[in-house]
């Protein structure tokens, strides 16, 4: 199971930015991450459609819209 999950959708520029931050920070920390496309699930689209990207760390919501690299690093050190 991945420690970090990002909910997003194709064509979302904030998702593109968040993906790069998450990819870099997780690589530094040696942590797996996964991305979920909310357009493939009506419930997720309804729940997160206005907040994407939404980032979870260890199953708890961590951020939405933007991912702060320092804050993500700190969360992964716990």
N, C-alpha and C. Protein backbone atom coordinates (compact mmCIF):
# COMPACT_ATOMS: atom_id res chain seq x y z
N UNK A 1 0.83 -1.18 0.00
CA UNK A 1 0.00 0.00 0.00
C UNK A 1 0.88 1.25 0.00
N UNK A 2 0.54 2.20 -0.83
CA UNK A 2 1.31 3.43 -0.93
C UNK A 2 1.01 4.35 0.25
N UNK A 3 2.02 5.05 0.71
CA UNK A 3 1.83 6.01 1.80
C UNK A 3 1.16 7.28 1.33
N UNK A 4 1.39 7.64 0.07
CA UNK A 4 0.84 8.87 -0.48
C UNK A 4 -0.09 8.53 -1.64
N UNK A 5 -1.27 9.14 -1.63
CA UNK A 5 -2.23 8.98 -2.71
C UNK A 5 -2.67 10.37 -3.16
N UNK A 6 -2.66 10.58 -4.47
CA UNK A 6 -3.14 11.83 -5.02
C UNK A 6 -4.37 11.55 -5.87
N UNK A 7 -5.45 12.25 -5.58
CA UNK A 7 -6.66 12.18 -6.38
C UNK A 7 -6.64 13.37 -7.34
N UNK A 8 -6.80 13.10 -8.62
CA UNK A 8 -6.76 14.15 -9.62
C UNK A 8 -7.47 13.71 -10.88
N UNK A 9 -7.23 14.47 -11.97
CA UNK A 9 -7.82 14.11 -13.25
C UNK A 9 -6.92 14.62 -14.38
N UNK A 10 -7.02 14.00 -15.54
CA UNK A 10 -6.24 14.44 -16.69
C UNK A 10 -6.61 15.88 -17.08
N UNK A 11 -5.62 16.63 -17.55
CA UNK A 11 -5.85 17.98 -18.01
C UNK A 11 -5.92 19.02 -16.91
N UNK A 12 -5.61 18.64 -15.70
CA UNK A 12 -5.66 19.55 -14.54
C UNK A 12 -4.24 20.08 -14.30
N UNK A 13 -4.04 21.38 -14.52
CA UNK A 13 -2.68 21.92 -14.36
C UNK A 13 -2.20 21.88 -12.91
N UNK A 14 -3.10 22.02 -11.95
CA UNK A 14 -2.69 21.90 -10.54
C UNK A 14 -2.28 20.47 -10.23
N UNK A 15 -2.96 19.51 -10.86
CA UNK A 15 -2.59 18.10 -10.67
C UNK A 15 -1.20 17.83 -11.24
N UNK A 16 -0.91 18.44 -12.39
CA UNK A 16 0.42 18.27 -13.00
C UNK A 16 1.50 18.80 -12.06
N UNK A 17 1.26 19.98 -11.47
CA UNK A 17 2.23 20.56 -10.54
C UNK A 17 2.37 19.70 -9.29
N UNK A 18 1.26 19.26 -8.73
CA UNK A 18 1.29 18.44 -7.52
C UNK A 18 1.99 17.12 -7.77
N UNK A 19 1.72 16.52 -8.92
CA UNK A 19 2.34 15.23 -9.27
C UNK A 19 3.87 15.33 -9.26
N UNK A 20 4.41 16.42 -9.78
CA UNK A 20 5.87 16.59 -9.81
C UNK A 20 6.43 16.75 -8.41
N UNK A 21 5.75 17.52 -7.57
CA UNK A 21 6.20 17.68 -6.18
C UNK A 21 6.15 16.34 -5.45
N UNK A 22 5.04 15.64 -5.59
CA UNK A 22 4.88 14.35 -4.90
C UNK A 22 5.92 13.36 -5.41
N UNK A 23 6.11 13.30 -6.71
CA UNK A 23 7.09 12.37 -7.29
C UNK A 23 8.49 12.63 -6.71
N UNK A 24 8.89 13.90 -6.66
CA UNK A 24 10.23 14.25 -6.18
C UNK A 24 10.39 13.96 -4.69
N UNK A 25 9.42 14.38 -3.88
CA UNK A 25 9.52 14.19 -2.43
C UNK A 25 9.47 12.72 -2.07
N UNK A 26 8.60 11.97 -2.71
CA UNK A 26 8.52 10.54 -2.42
C UNK A 26 9.78 9.81 -2.85
N UNK A 27 10.38 10.22 -3.96
CA UNK A 27 11.64 9.61 -4.39
C UNK A 27 12.74 9.88 -3.37
N UNK A 28 12.81 11.11 -2.88
CA UNK A 28 13.81 11.46 -1.84
C UNK A 28 13.62 10.60 -0.59
N UNK A 29 12.36 10.40 -0.22
CA UNK A 29 12.05 9.69 1.02
C UNK A 29 12.00 8.17 0.84
N UNK A 30 12.07 7.70 -0.41
CA UNK A 30 11.98 6.27 -0.66
C UNK A 30 10.60 5.71 -0.35
N UNK A 31 9.58 6.52 -0.66
CA UNK A 31 8.20 6.17 -0.32
C UNK A 31 7.41 5.97 -1.61
N UNK A 32 6.55 4.96 -1.61
CA UNK A 32 5.68 4.72 -2.75
C UNK A 32 4.50 5.69 -2.73
N UNK A 33 4.02 6.03 -3.93
CA UNK A 33 2.83 6.86 -4.04
C UNK A 33 2.00 6.36 -5.21
N UNK A 34 0.74 6.73 -5.21
CA UNK A 34 -0.16 6.32 -6.28
C UNK A 34 -1.07 7.48 -6.63
N UNK A 35 -1.59 7.43 -7.84
CA UNK A 35 -2.52 8.46 -8.30
C UNK A 35 -3.83 7.81 -8.69
N UNK A 36 -4.93 8.45 -8.32
CA UNK A 36 -6.26 7.96 -8.64
C UNK A 36 -6.94 8.99 -9.53
N UNK A 37 -7.43 8.55 -10.68
CA UNK A 37 -8.14 9.41 -11.62
C UNK A 37 -9.61 9.46 -11.20
N UNK A 38 -10.05 10.61 -10.72
CA UNK A 38 -11.42 10.73 -10.21
C UNK A 38 -12.47 10.67 -11.32
N UNK A 39 -12.06 10.82 -12.58
CA UNK A 39 -13.04 10.75 -13.66
C UNK A 39 -13.50 9.32 -13.91
N UNK A 40 -12.83 8.37 -13.29
CA UNK A 40 -13.19 6.96 -13.46
C UNK A 40 -14.16 6.46 -12.40
N UNK A 41 -14.56 7.35 -11.48
CA UNK A 41 -15.44 6.95 -10.37
C UNK A 41 -16.37 8.12 -10.05
N UNK A 42 -17.66 7.95 -10.30
CA UNK A 42 -18.63 9.03 -10.08
C UNK A 42 -18.62 9.56 -8.65
N UNK A 43 -18.50 8.67 -7.69
CA UNK A 43 -18.49 9.08 -6.28
C UNK A 43 -17.27 9.94 -5.97
N UNK A 44 -16.09 9.52 -6.43
CA UNK A 44 -14.88 10.32 -6.21
C UNK A 44 -14.96 11.66 -6.93
N UNK A 45 -15.53 11.66 -8.13
CA UNK A 45 -15.66 12.91 -8.88
C UNK A 45 -16.57 13.89 -8.13
N UNK A 46 -17.66 13.39 -7.60
CA UNK A 46 -18.57 14.23 -6.82
C UNK A 46 -17.90 14.73 -5.55
N UNK A 47 -17.16 13.86 -4.89
CA UNK A 47 -16.53 14.19 -3.61
C UNK A 47 -15.37 15.17 -3.77
N UNK A 48 -14.53 14.98 -4.78
CA UNK A 48 -13.29 15.75 -4.89
C UNK A 48 -13.21 16.67 -6.11
N UNK A 49 -14.22 16.70 -6.95
CA UNK A 49 -14.17 17.41 -8.21
C UNK A 49 -13.75 18.87 -8.13
N UNK A 50 -14.10 19.55 -7.05
CA UNK A 50 -13.77 20.97 -6.90
C UNK A 50 -12.50 21.21 -6.07
N UNK A 51 -11.89 20.16 -5.56
CA UNK A 51 -10.73 20.32 -4.68
C UNK A 51 -9.44 19.77 -5.26
N UNK A 52 -9.47 19.15 -6.41
CA UNK A 52 -8.29 18.45 -6.91
C UNK A 52 -7.16 19.41 -7.23
N UNK A 53 -5.96 18.92 -7.07
CA UNK A 53 -5.61 17.60 -6.55
C UNK A 53 -5.80 17.53 -5.04
N UNK A 54 -6.18 16.36 -4.58
CA UNK A 54 -6.31 16.10 -3.15
C UNK A 54 -5.26 15.05 -2.80
N UNK A 55 -4.48 15.32 -1.78
CA UNK A 55 -3.39 14.42 -1.39
C UNK A 55 -3.68 13.82 -0.02
N UNK A 56 -3.48 12.51 0.08
CA UNK A 56 -3.60 11.79 1.34
C UNK A 56 -2.24 11.21 1.71
N UNK A 57 -1.93 11.25 2.98
CA UNK A 57 -0.72 10.62 3.51
C UNK A 57 -1.17 9.65 4.60
N UNK A 58 -0.78 8.40 4.44
CA UNK A 58 -1.15 7.34 5.39
C UNK A 58 -2.66 7.31 5.64
N UNK A 59 -3.43 7.51 4.56
CA UNK A 59 -4.88 7.39 4.63
C UNK A 59 -5.62 8.61 5.15
N UNK A 60 -4.90 9.68 5.49
CA UNK A 60 -5.54 10.88 6.00
C UNK A 60 -5.30 12.03 5.03
N UNK A 61 -6.36 12.86 4.82
CA UNK A 61 -6.20 13.97 3.90
C UNK A 61 -5.12 14.92 4.39
N UNK A 62 -4.22 15.25 3.47
CA UNK A 62 -3.06 16.06 3.80
C UNK A 62 -3.17 17.46 3.19
N UNK A 63 -3.49 17.56 1.91
CA UNK A 63 -3.56 18.82 1.18
C UNK A 63 -4.62 18.74 0.10
N UNK A 64 -5.00 19.92 -0.41
CA UNK A 64 -5.75 19.99 -1.65
C UNK A 64 -5.31 21.24 -2.39
N UNK A 65 -5.51 21.24 -3.69
CA UNK A 65 -5.11 22.28 -4.64
C UNK A 65 -3.60 22.36 -4.83
N UNK A 66 -2.84 22.55 -3.79
CA UNK A 66 -1.38 22.65 -3.92
C UNK A 66 -0.71 21.73 -2.90
N UNK A 67 0.49 21.26 -3.25
CA UNK A 67 1.26 20.41 -2.34
C UNK A 67 2.53 21.16 -1.98
N UNK A 68 2.69 21.42 -0.70
CA UNK A 68 3.90 22.08 -0.20
C UNK A 68 4.96 21.02 0.04
N UNK A 69 6.09 21.07 -0.66
CA UNK A 69 7.10 20.01 -0.51
C UNK A 69 7.61 19.86 0.91
N UNK A 70 7.85 20.97 1.61
CA UNK A 70 8.37 20.88 2.99
C UNK A 70 7.35 20.23 3.91
N UNK A 71 6.10 20.57 3.73
CA UNK A 71 5.04 19.99 4.57
C UNK A 71 4.88 18.50 4.29
N UNK A 72 4.98 18.11 3.01
CA UNK A 72 4.89 16.70 2.66
C UNK A 72 6.08 15.93 3.23
N UNK A 73 7.29 16.48 3.12
CA UNK A 73 8.47 15.82 3.71
C UNK A 73 8.27 15.59 5.20
N UNK A 74 7.79 16.62 5.90
CA UNK A 74 7.57 16.51 7.34
C UNK A 74 6.56 15.41 7.66
N UNK A 75 5.49 15.35 6.89
CA UNK A 75 4.46 14.31 7.12
C UNK A 75 5.03 12.92 6.90
N UNK A 76 5.92 12.77 5.93
CA UNK A 76 6.49 11.45 5.63
C UNK A 76 7.54 11.03 6.66
N UNK A 77 8.05 11.97 7.44
CA UNK A 77 9.04 11.64 8.47
C UNK A 77 8.39 11.09 9.75
N UNK A 78 7.10 11.24 9.86
CA UNK A 78 6.39 10.77 11.07
C UNK A 78 6.30 9.28 11.09
